[in-house]
Amino acid sequence: MRLRDATRADARDLAYLINLAGEGLPETLWGQMAEGDATPLEVGAERAGREEGGFSYHHARVCIERGRIVGMIIAYRLPDSYDLEGLDEAPATVQPLLRLEAQVPGSWYINGIATLPAARRKGVGRLLMAQAEASAIGAGCHELSLIVAEENHTACAIYHRLGFREIASLPLVPWPGCPHGGRWLLMTRLLEAR
């Protein structure tokens, strides 16, 4: 297995994987944006191929095994000052996520991490998380941050084992097909410079 920076050509794989990570929320949002006969995944791929925005191939690293993308991570430094102006215009499902992000300005934010089901338990996630830590330290960040649904017990357990701790939470606003209720958890882990 090896990691590499994502390219625009990876946009469709990135859209598929971020939807896995987001447990269907991205697909719901893309479906609301779709025009004409565009499918939600096509909208997601278009967004992943953008040059700007948090969900852009510029912020992604992919894990390759036997010439195929088997996992990805999208991570970047959050702004040092976070502006929530216009928050009410964002979809209700996204508003708690934006409010939580605003509580960790300047952190290295893991927007999404996912592994194809067939590639799980092979160390892909560990490799991607180690990459995120190295990138964060290289960017001068002292903290990793992420948001996870509290009812996603498997992911929460993994993040706890990796040293992440919950620092805040907000109620989750369900979307069609949402597998969880409960709350979104903002988790962080402090980094030591090496």
C-alpha atoms as a PDB file:
ATOM      1  CA  MET A   1       0.000   0.000   0.000  1.00  0.00           C
ATOM      2  CA  ARG A   2       1.133   3.521  -0.682  1.00  0.00           C
ATOM      3  CA  LEU A   3      -0.230   7.016  -0.206  1.00  0.00           C
ATOM      4  CA  ARG A   4      -0.277   9.811  -2.727  1.00  0.00           C
ATOM      5  CA  ASP A   5      -1.865  13.215  -3.163  1.00  0.00           C
ATOM      6  CA  ALA A   6      -5.259  13.002  -4.815  1.00  0.00           C
ATOM      7  CA  THR A   7      -5.714  14.415  -8.302  1.00  0.00           C
ATOM      8  CA  ARG A   8      -8.757  15.770 -10.088  1.00  0.00           C
ATOM      9  CA  ALA A   9      -9.009  12.389 -11.845  1.00  0.00           C
ATOM     10  CA  ASP A  10      -9.756  10.841  -8.420  1.00  0.00           C
ATOM     11  CA  ALA A  11     -12.863  13.005  -7.913  1.00  0.00           C
ATOM     12  CA  ARG A  12     -15.415  10.207  -8.397  1.00  0.00           C
ATOM     13  CA  ASP A  13     -13.605   7.917  -5.930  1.00  0.00           C
ATOM     14  CA  LEU A  14     -13.334  10.793  -3.455  1.00  0.00           C
ATOM     15  CA  ALA A  15     -17.081  11.468  -3.717  1.00  0.00           C
ATOM     16  CA  TYR A  16     -17.902   7.799  -3.161  1.00  0.00           C
ATOM     17  CA  LEU A  17     -15.570   7.556  -0.153  1.00  0.00           C
ATOM     18  CA  ILE A  18     -16.622  10.830   1.499  1.00  0.00           C
ATOM     19  CA  ASN A  19     -20.213   9.624   1.256  1.00  0.00           C
ATOM     20  CA  LEU A  20     -19.172   6.436   3.088  1.00  0.00           C
ATOM     21  CA  ALA A  21     -17.455   8.553   5.738  1.00  0.00           C
ATOM     22  CA  GLY A  22     -20.471  10.854   6.008  1.00  0.00           C
ATOM     23  CA  GLU A  23     -22.916   7.946   6.211  1.00  0.00           C
ATOM     24  CA  GLY A  24     -25.079   9.276   3.376  1.00  0.00           C
ATOM     25  CA  LEU A  25     -25.247  12.937   4.405  1.00  0.00           C
ATOM     26  CA  PRO A  26     -23.076  14.084   1.463  1.00  0.00           C
ATOM     27  CA  GLU A  27     -25.285  12.232  -1.028  1.00  0.00           C
ATOM     28  CA  THR A  28     -28.382  13.847   0.493  1.00  0.00           C
ATOM     29  CA  LEU A  29     -26.848  17.316   0.163  1.00  0.00           C
ATOM     30  CA  TRP A  30     -25.650  16.642  -3.399  1.00  0.00           C
ATOM     31  CA  GLY A  31     -29.131  15.409  -4.323  1.00  0.00           C
ATOM     32  CA  GLN A  32     -30.504  18.787  -3.229  1.00  0.00           C
ATOM     33  CA  MET A  33     -27.954  20.529  -5.489  1.00  0.00           C
ATOM     34  CA  ALA A  34     -28.447  18.286  -8.528  1.00  0.00           C
ATOM     35  CA  GLU A  35     -29.898  19.857 -11.651  1.00  0.00           C
ATOM     36  CA  GLY A  36     -31.314  18.103 -14.688  1.00  0.00           C
ATOM     37  CA  ASP A  37     -30.379  14.417 -14.855  1.00  0.00           C
ATOM     38  CA  ALA A  38     -27.239  14.810 -12.712  1.00  0.00           C
ATOM     39  CA  THR A  39     -26.994  12.140 -10.039  1.00  0.00           C
ATOM     40  CA  PRO A  40     -25.923  13.007  -6.505  1.00  0.00           C
ATOM     41  CA  LEU A  41     -22.614  11.176  -7.053  1.00  0.00           C
ATOM     42  CA  GLU A  42     -21.948  13.226 -10.201  1.00  0.00           C
ATOM     43  CA  VAL A  43     -22.534  16.421  -8.205  1.00  0.00           C
ATOM     44  CA  GLY A  44     -20.184  15.104  -5.507  1.00  0.00           C
ATOM     45  CA  ALA A  45     -17.498  14.285  -8.074  1.00  0.00           C
ATOM     46  CA  GLU A  46     -17.824  17.762  -9.568  1.00  0.00           C
ATOM     47  CA  ARG A  47     -17.399  19.282  -6.106  1.00  0.00           C
ATOM     48  CA  ALA A  48     -14.406  17.056  -5.331  1.00  0.00           C
ATOM     49  CA  GLY A  49     -12.793  18.243  -8.582  1.00  0.00           C
ATOM     50  CA  ARG A  50     -12.961  21.901  -7.564  1.00  0.00           C
ATOM     51  CA  GLU A  51      -9.842  23.909  -6.863  1.00  0.00           C
ATOM     52  CA  GLU A  52     -11.310  25.480  -3.716  1.00  0.00           C
ATOM     53  CA  GLY A  53     -13.468  24.484  -0.748  1.00  0.00           C
ATOM     54  CA  GLY A  54     -12.976  22.024   2.072  1.00  0.00           C
ATOM     55  CA  PHE A  55     -14.178  19.094  -0.039  1.00  0.00           C
ATOM     56  CA  SER A  56     -11.604  19.406  -2.815  1.00  0.00           C
ATOM     57  CA  TYR A  57      -9.043  16.977  -4.159  1.00  0.00           C
ATOM     58  CA  HIS A  58      -6.424  19.527  -3.061  1.00  0.00           C
ATOM     59  CA  HIS A  59      -7.005  18.482   0.558  1.00  0.00           C
ATOM     60  CA  ALA A  60      -7.106  14.741  -0.080  1.00  0.00           C
ATOM     61  CA  ARG A  61      -4.623  11.909   0.152  1.00  0.00           C
ATOM     62  CA  VAL A  62      -5.507   8.491  -1.201  1.00  0.00           C
ATOM     63  CA  CYS A  63      -4.282   5.020  -0.321  1.00  0.00           C
ATOM     64  CA  ILE A  64      -3.485   2.816  -3.301  1.00  0.00           C
ATOM     65  CA  GLU A  65      -3.354  -0.967  -3.233  1.00  0.00           C
ATOM     66  CA  ARG A  66      -2.718  -2.930  -6.440  1.00  0.00           C
ATOM     67  CA  GLY A  67      -3.307   0.189  -8.527  1.00  0.00           C
ATOM     68  CA  ARG A  68      -6.708   0.913  -6.982  1.00  0.00           C
ATOM     69  CA  ILE A  69      -7.861   3.556  -4.487  1.00  0.00           C
ATOM     70  CA  VAL A  70      -8.909   1.733  -1.317  1.00  0.00           C
ATOM     71  CA  GLY A  71      -9.086   4.657   1.108  1.00  0.00           C
ATOM     72  CA  MET A  72      -8.851   8.415   1.439  1.00  0.00           C
ATOM     73  CA  ILE A  73      -8.544  11.208   3.951  1.00  0.00           C
ATOM     74  CA  ILE A  74      -9.552  14.822   3.486  1.00  0.00           C
ATOM     75  CA  ALA A  75      -7.866  17.063   6.027  1.00  0.00           C
ATOM     76  CA  TYR A  76      -6.743  20.679   6.224  1.00  0.00           C
ATOM     77  CA  ARG A  77      -6.039  23.519   8.620  1.00  0.00           C
ATOM     78  CA  LEU A  78      -9.133  25.365   9.789  1.00  0.00           C
ATOM     79  CA  PRO A  79      -8.957  29.166   9.701  1.00  0.00           C
ATOM     80  CA  ASP A  80      -7.498  30.850  12.781  1.00  0.00           C
ATOM     81  CA  SER A  81     -10.618  32.950  13.078  1.00  0.00           C
ATOM     82  CA  TYR A  82     -13.870  31.285  12.166  1.00  0.00           C
ATOM     83  CA  ASP A  83     -16.757  33.345  10.796  1.00  0.00           C
ATOM     84  CA  LEU A  84     -20.243  31.911  11.274  1.00  0.00           C
ATOM     85  CA  GLU A  85     -21.968  34.760   9.442  1.00  0.00           C
ATOM     86  CA  GLY A  86     -24.592  33.334   7.092  1.00  0.00           C
ATOM     87  CA  LEU A  87     -24.843  30.091   9.076  1.00  0.00           C
ATOM     88  CA  ASP A  88     -28.647  30.237   8.912  1.00  0.00           C
ATOM     89  CA  GLU A  89     -28.445  29.880   5.113  1.00  0.00           C
ATOM     90  CA  ALA A  90     -26.640  26.525   5.396  1.00  0.00           C
ATOM     91  CA  PRO A  91     -28.760  23.333   5.389  1.00  0.00           C
ATOM     92  CA  ALA A  92     -30.044  22.518   8.885  1.00  0.00           C
ATOM     93  CA  THR A  93     -28.209  19.168   8.812  1.00  0.00           C
ATOM     94  CA  VAL A  94     -24.871  20.958   8.354  1.00  0.00           C
ATOM     95  CA  GLN A  95     -25.299  23.801  10.848  1.00  0.00           C
ATOM     96  CA  PRO A  96     -24.249  21.835  13.968  1.00  0.00           C
ATOM     97  CA  LEU A  97     -21.137  20.611  12.128  1.00  0.00           C
ATOM     98  CA  LEU A  98     -20.155  24.180  11.240  1.00  0.00           C
ATOM     99  CA  ARG A  99     -20.764  25.335  14.818  1.00  0.00           C
ATOM    100  CA  LEU A 100     -18.497  22.575  16.133  1.00  0.00           C
ATOM    101  CA  GLU A 101     -15.752  23.299  13.580  1.00  0.00           C
ATOM    102  CA  ALA A 102     -15.773  26.915  14.754  1.00  0.00           C
ATOM    103  CA  GLN A 103     -14.728  25.748  18.236  1.00  0.00           C
ATOM    104  CA  VAL A 104     -11.333  24.499  17.045  1.00  0.00           C
ATOM    105  CA  PRO A 105      -9.882  27.302  14.893  1.00  0.00           C
ATOM    106  CA  GLY A 106      -6.365  26.659  13.614  1.00  0.00           C
ATOM    107  CA  SER A 107      -6.585  22.894  14.188  1.00  0.00           C
ATOM    108  CA  TRP A 108      -5.841  20.276  11.520  1.00  0.00           C
ATOM    109  CA  TYR A 109      -9.398  19.179  10.714  1.00  0.00           C
ATOM    110  CA  ILE A 110     -10.098  15.675   9.459  1.00  0.00           C
ATOM    111  CA  ASN A 111     -13.136  16.369   7.287  1.00  0.00           C
ATOM    112  CA  GLY A 112     -13.493  12.719   6.322  1.00  0.00           C
ATOM    113  CA  ILE A 113     -11.647   9.418   6.328  1.00  0.00           C
ATOM    114  CA  ALA A 114     -12.915   6.239   4.690  1.00  0.00           C
ATOM    115  CA  THR A 115     -11.757   2.828   3.567  1.00  0.00           C
ATOM    116  CA  LEU A 116     -13.519   0.564   1.092  1.00  0.00           C
ATOM    117  CA  PRO A 117     -15.255  -2.278   2.982  1.00  0.00           C
ATOM    118  CA  ALA A 118     -13.058  -4.920   1.286  1.00  0.00           C
ATOM    119  CA  ALA A 119      -9.885  -3.116   2.430  1.00  0.00           C
ATOM    120  CA  ARG A 120     -10.839  -2.667   6.090  1.00  0.00           C
ATOM    121  CA  ARG A 121      -8.695  -4.124   8.889  1.00  0.00           C
ATOM    122  CA  LYS A 122      -5.585  -3.951   6.724  1.00  0.00           C
ATOM    123  CA  GLY A 123      -4.073  -0.810   8.245  1.00  0.00           C
ATOM    124  CA  VAL A 124      -5.370   1.693   5.668  1.00  0.00           C
ATOM    125  CA  GLY A 125      -6.980   3.901   8.317  1.00  0.00           C
ATOM    126  CA  ARG A 126      -3.848   3.874  10.509  1.00  0.00           C
ATOM    127  CA  LEU A 127      -1.725   4.841   7.527  1.00  0.00           C
ATOM    128  CA  LEU A 128      -4.068   7.703   6.613  1.00  0.00           C
ATOM    129  CA  MET A 129      -4.255   8.969  10.211  1.00  0.00           C
ATOM    130  CA  ALA A 130      -0.452   8.904  10.489  1.00  0.00           C
ATOM    131  CA  GLN A 131      -0.334  10.978   7.293  1.00  0.00           C
ATOM    132  CA  ALA A 132      -2.788  13.483   8.790  1.00  0.00           C
ATOM    133  CA  GLU A 133      -0.638  13.812  11.899  1.00  0.00           C
ATOM    134  CA  ALA A 134       2.528  14.359   9.853  1.00  0.00           C
ATOM    135  CA  SER A 135       0.771  16.939   7.657  1.00  0.00           C
ATOM    136  CA  ALA A 136      -0.591  18.749  10.712  1.00  0.00           C
ATOM    137  CA  ILE A 137       2.829  18.975  12.334  1.00  0.00           C
ATOM    138  CA  GLY A 138       4.339  20.095   9.022  1.00  0.00           C
ATOM    139  CA  ALA A 139       1.733  22.877   8.834  1.00  0.00           C
ATOM    140  CA  GLY A 140       2.523  24.030  12.373  1.00  0.00           C
ATOM    141  CA  CYS A 141      -0.730  22.764  13.893  1.00  0.00           C
ATOM    142  CA  HIS A 142      -0.720  21.528  17.470  1.00  0.00           C
ATOM    143  CA  GLU A 143      -4.093  19.804  17.408  1.00  0.00           C
ATOM    144  CA  LEU A 144      -6.044  17.322  15.275  1.00  0.00           C
ATOM    145  CA  SER A 145      -9.836  17.640  15.208  1.00  0.00           C
ATOM    146  CA  LEU A 146     -12.741  15.660  13.785  1.00  0.00           C
ATOM    147  CA  ILE A 147     -16.488  15.262  14.199  1.00  0.00           C
ATOM    148  CA  VAL A 148     -18.253  11.913  14.543  1.00  0.00           C
ATOM    149  CA  ALA A 149     -21.790  10.768  15.379  1.00  0.00           C
ATOM    150  CA  GLU A 150     -21.868   9.520  18.970  1.00  0.00           C
ATOM    151  CA  GLU A 151     -23.963   6.514  17.869  1.00  0.00           C
ATOM    152  CA  ASN A 152     -21.214   5.442  15.446  1.00  0.00           C
ATOM    153  CA  HIS A 153     -19.709   3.333  18.220  1.00  0.00           C
ATOM    154  CA  THR A 154     -17.080   1.681  16.025  1.00  0.00           C
ATOM    155  CA  ALA A 155     -15.609   4.996  14.836  1.00  0.00           C
ATOM    156  CA  CYS A 156     -15.793   6.524  18.329  1.00  0.00           C
ATOM    157  CA  ALA A 157     -13.896   3.557  19.788  1.00  0.00           C
ATOM    158  CA  ILE A 158     -11.191   3.851  17.113  1.00  0.00           C
ATOM    159  CA  TYR A 159     -10.757   7.579  17.743  1.00  0.00           C
ATOM    160  CA  HIS A 160     -10.573   7.038  21.508  1.00  0.00           C
ATOM    161  CA  ARG A 161      -7.854   4.399  20.985  1.00  0.00           C
ATOM    162  CA  LEU A 162      -5.964   6.943  18.871  1.00  0.00           C
ATOM    163  CA  GLY A 163      -6.029   9.403  21.772  1.00  0.00           C
ATOM    164  CA  PHE A 164      -8.904  11.660  20.686  1.00  0.00           C
ATOM    165  CA  ARG A 165     -11.119  13.114  23.400  1.00  0.00           C
ATOM    166  CA  GLU A 166     -14.577  14.668  23.167  1.00  0.00           C
ATOM    167  CA  ILE A 167     -14.545  18.405  23.846  1.00  0.00           C
ATOM    168  CA  ALA A 168     -18.035  19.468  22.688  1.00  0.00           C
ATOM    169  CA  SER A 169     -21.239  18.099  21.191  1.00  0.00           C
ATOM    170  CA  LEU A 170     -24.406  19.300  19.497  1.00  0.00           C
ATOM    171  CA  PRO A 171     -27.623  17.508  18.522  1.00  0.00           C
ATOM    172  CA  LEU A 172     -27.508  15.745  15.172  1.00  0.00           C
ATOM    173  CA  VAL A 173     -30.165  16.912  12.697  1.00  0.00           C
ATOM    174  CA  PRO A 174     -31.244  13.723  10.862  1.00  0.00           C
ATOM    175  CA  TRP A 175     -31.340  13.456   7.062  1.00  0.00           C
ATOM    176  CA  PRO A 176     -33.254  10.906   4.944  1.00  0.00           C
ATOM    177  CA  GLY A 177     -31.725   7.490   5.595  1.00  0.00           C
ATOM    178  CA  CYS A 178     -29.698   8.779   8.560  1.00  0.00           C
ATOM    179  CA  PRO A 179     -28.415   5.745  10.479  1.00  0.00           C
ATOM    180  CA  HIS A 180     -28.041   7.676  13.758  1.00  0.00           C
ATOM    181  CA  GLY A 181     -29.768   9.957  16.179  1.00  0.00           C
ATOM    182  CA  GLY A 182     -28.118  11.509  19.171  1.00  0.00           C
ATOM    183  CA  ARG A 183     -25.346  14.044  18.946  1.00  0.00           C
ATOM    184  CA  TRP A 184     -22.338  15.034  16.895  1.00  0.00           C
ATOM    185  CA  LEU A 185     -19.125  14.809  18.933  1.00  0.00           C
ATOM    186  CA  LEU A 186     -16.220  17.190  18.357  1.00  0.00           C
ATOM    187  CA  MET A 187     -13.052  15.290  19.234  1.00  0.00           C
ATOM    188  CA  THR A 188      -9.480  16.549  19.376  1.00  0.00           C
ATOM    189  CA  ARG A 189      -6.001  15.251  20.031  1.00  0.00           C
ATOM    190  CA  LEU A 190      -3.030  17.405  20.907  1.00  0.00           C
ATOM    191  CA  LEU A 191       0.127  16.843  18.882  1.00  0.00           C
ATOM    192  CA  GLU A 192       3.709  16.960  20.001  1.00  0.00           C
ATOM    193  CA  ALA A 193       6.276  18.433  17.645  1.00  0.00           C
ATOM    194  CA  ARG A 194       8.894  15.885  16.686  1.00  0.00           C
END
